[in-house]
Amino acid sequence: RVRGTPADGLALDSPTVDTFRTALTVGLGAGLGAVLRHLVVLFGAAPGTTAALALTFAVNIAGCFAMGLCKPGPLWGAGFLGGFTTFSAISVAAVQSDAIVALGIVALSFATSIVSYLLGHTLRERRHG
């Protein structure tokens, strides 16, 4: 890494530059993950259908499992898998439903996401000790 002088501005190895670089990395990954999720749901089911909701659940479960299994860094973790999974689409489906159905959607989404992460994490721990 090259360090600049104070007159040159920020040093290339400064904490601010590292934070900005990490933020860009996360943003790039999130964009890619969101595009893939959109394509999976778009080509898998008509928008607003039960099938689209089921695919969104499947995407969230797969993404949370991968996060637990792989323990990825910023690009693949917070970035790609964070963009791939979605709570907002689940929230939209919940808001468009009756109250009891909405509660079920949110609770099921939360529970399946946590369980799938923990399953992936447990498998990673068993594999790597």
Protein backbone atom coordinates (compact mmCIF):
# COMPACT_ATOMS: atom_id res chain seq x y z
CA ARG A 1 0.00 0.00 0.00
CA VAL A 2 1.11 3.49 -0.75
CA ARG A 3 0.81 6.16 1.88
CA GLY A 4 0.27 9.75 0.88
CA THR A 5 1.28 12.81 2.79
CA PRO A 6 -1.34 14.88 4.62
CA ALA A 7 -1.22 17.34 1.72
CA ASP A 8 -2.15 14.52 -0.69
CA GLY A 9 -5.38 13.71 1.14
CA LEU A 10 -6.25 10.30 2.58
CA ALA A 11 -3.60 7.63 2.74
CA LEU A 12 -4.50 4.54 0.73
CA ASP A 13 -4.22 2.38 3.83
CA SER A 14 -6.25 4.65 6.12
CA PRO A 15 -9.25 3.29 8.03
CA THR A 16 -11.54 5.61 6.05
CA VAL A 17 -10.37 4.22 2.72
CA ASP A 18 -10.67 0.65 4.00
CA THR A 19 -14.22 1.34 5.21
CA PHE A 20 -15.18 2.88 1.87
CA ARG A 21 -13.61 -0.03 -0.04
CA THR A 22 -15.53 -2.52 2.12
CA ALA A 23 -18.76 -0.57 1.60
CA LEU A 24 -18.27 -0.66 -2.18
CA THR A 25 -17.54 -4.39 -2.02
CA VAL A 26 -20.72 -5.03 -0.01
CA GLY A 27 -22.73 -2.86 -2.42
CA LEU A 28 -21.42 -4.73 -5.45
CA GLY A 29 -22.27 -8.09 -3.88
CA ALA A 30 -25.71 -6.88 -2.75
CA GLY A 31 -26.55 -5.70 -6.25
CA LEU A 32 -25.58 -9.05 -7.77
CA GLY A 33 -27.51 -10.98 -5.12
CA ALA A 34 -30.63 -8.87 -5.56
CA VAL A 35 -30.55 -9.31 -9.34
CA LEU A 36 -30.25 -13.09 -8.96
CA ARG A 37 -33.14 -13.20 -6.47
CA HIS A 38 -35.29 -11.09 -8.78
CA LEU A 39 -34.55 -13.40 -11.72
CA VAL A 40 -35.28 -16.55 -9.68
CA VAL A 41 -38.68 -15.23 -8.61
CA LEU A 42 -39.46 -13.57 -11.96
CA PHE A 43 -38.81 -16.71 -14.00
CA GLY A 44 -40.19 -19.05 -11.36
CA ALA A 45 -43.61 -17.57 -10.66
CA ALA A 46 -46.00 -14.77 -11.48
CA PRO A 47 -45.52 -11.73 -9.20
CA GLY A 48 -47.88 -11.57 -6.23
CA THR A 49 -48.79 -15.26 -6.33
CA THR A 50 -48.43 -17.88 -3.63
CA ALA A 51 -45.76 -19.50 -5.80
CA ALA A 52 -43.75 -16.26 -5.80
CA LEU A 53 -44.03 -16.10 -2.00
CA ALA A 54 -42.89 -19.74 -1.76
CA LEU A 55 -39.89 -18.99 -4.00
CA THR A 56 -39.01 -15.99 -1.84
CA PHE A 57 -39.11 -18.25 1.21
CA ALA A 58 -36.89 -20.76 -0.60
CA VAL A 59 -34.40 -18.03 -1.55
CA ASN A 60 -34.27 -16.80 2.05
CA ILE A 61 -33.79 -20.30 3.40
CA ALA A 62 -31.02 -21.09 0.88
CA GLY A 63 -29.27 -17.77 1.53
CA CYS A 64 -29.39 -18.13 5.30
CA PHE A 65 -28.17 -21.71 5.08
CA ALA A 66 -25.25 -20.62 2.86
CA MET A 67 -24.40 -17.81 5.28
CA GLY A 68 -24.22 -20.27 8.17
CA LEU A 69 -22.39 -22.95 6.19
CA CYS A 70 -19.77 -20.76 4.53
CA LYS A 71 -19.30 -17.83 6.95
CA PRO A 72 -18.48 -15.58 3.99
CA GLY A 73 -16.77 -12.21 4.07
CA PRO A 74 -18.19 -8.82 3.05
CA LEU A 75 -18.60 -9.46 -0.69
CA TRP A 76 -20.39 -12.82 -0.42
CA GLY A 77 -21.89 -12.46 3.08
CA ALA A 78 -23.34 -9.05 3.80
CA GLY A 79 -23.14 -8.30 0.07
CA PHE A 80 -24.30 -11.12 -2.19
CA LEU A 81 -26.25 -13.20 0.33
CA GLY A 82 -27.63 -10.07 1.98
CA GLY A 83 -28.93 -8.89 -1.39
CA PHE A 84 -30.08 -12.37 -2.40
CA THR A 85 -32.22 -12.82 0.70
CA THR A 86 -35.05 -10.40 1.41
CA PHE A 87 -37.25 -9.48 4.31
CA SER A 88 -38.88 -6.64 2.41
CA ALA A 89 -40.62 -8.91 -0.13
CA ILE A 90 -41.94 -11.03 2.74
CA SER A 91 -43.12 -7.84 4.46
CA VAL A 92 -45.00 -6.71 1.36
CA ALA A 93 -46.76 -10.08 1.17
CA ALA A 94 -47.62 -9.82 4.86
CA VAL A 95 -49.03 -6.29 4.55
CA GLN A 96 -51.25 -7.40 1.68
CA SER A 97 -52.71 -10.23 3.79
CA ASP A 98 -55.18 -10.49 6.63
CA ALA A 99 -53.65 -9.87 10.06
CA ILE A 100 -53.45 -13.52 11.14
CA VAL A 101 -51.99 -14.59 7.78
CA ALA A 102 -49.51 -11.71 7.94
CA LEU A 103 -48.38 -12.79 11.40
CA GLY A 104 -47.93 -16.33 10.12
CA ILE A 105 -45.90 -15.18 7.11
CA VAL A 106 -43.56 -13.05 9.22
CA ALA A 107 -43.17 -15.67 11.95
CA LEU A 108 -42.54 -18.47 9.46
CA SER A 109 -40.04 -16.35 7.54
CA PHE A 110 -38.13 -15.46 10.68
CA ALA A 111 -38.16 -19.01 12.04
CA THR A 112 -37.12 -20.72 8.80
CA SER A 113 -34.33 -18.19 8.21
CA ILE A 114 -32.89 -18.64 11.70
CA VAL A 115 -33.19 -22.43 11.61
CA SER A 116 -31.56 -22.66 8.18
CA TYR A 117 -28.68 -20.42 9.29
CA LEU A 118 -28.17 -22.52 12.42
CA LEU A 119 -28.27 -25.73 10.39
CA GLY A 120 -25.59 -24.40 8.03
CA HIS A 121 -23.53 -23.16 10.97
CA THR A 122 -23.78 -26.55 12.71
CA LEU A 123 -22.69 -28.39 9.56
CA ARG A 124 -19.72 -26.01 9.16
CA GLU A 125 -18.69 -26.53 12.79
CA ARG A 126 -18.88 -30.33 12.45
CA ARG A 127 -16.87 -30.24 9.26
CA HIS A 128 -14.16 -27.92 10.58
CA GLY A 129 -14.25 -28.79 14.26
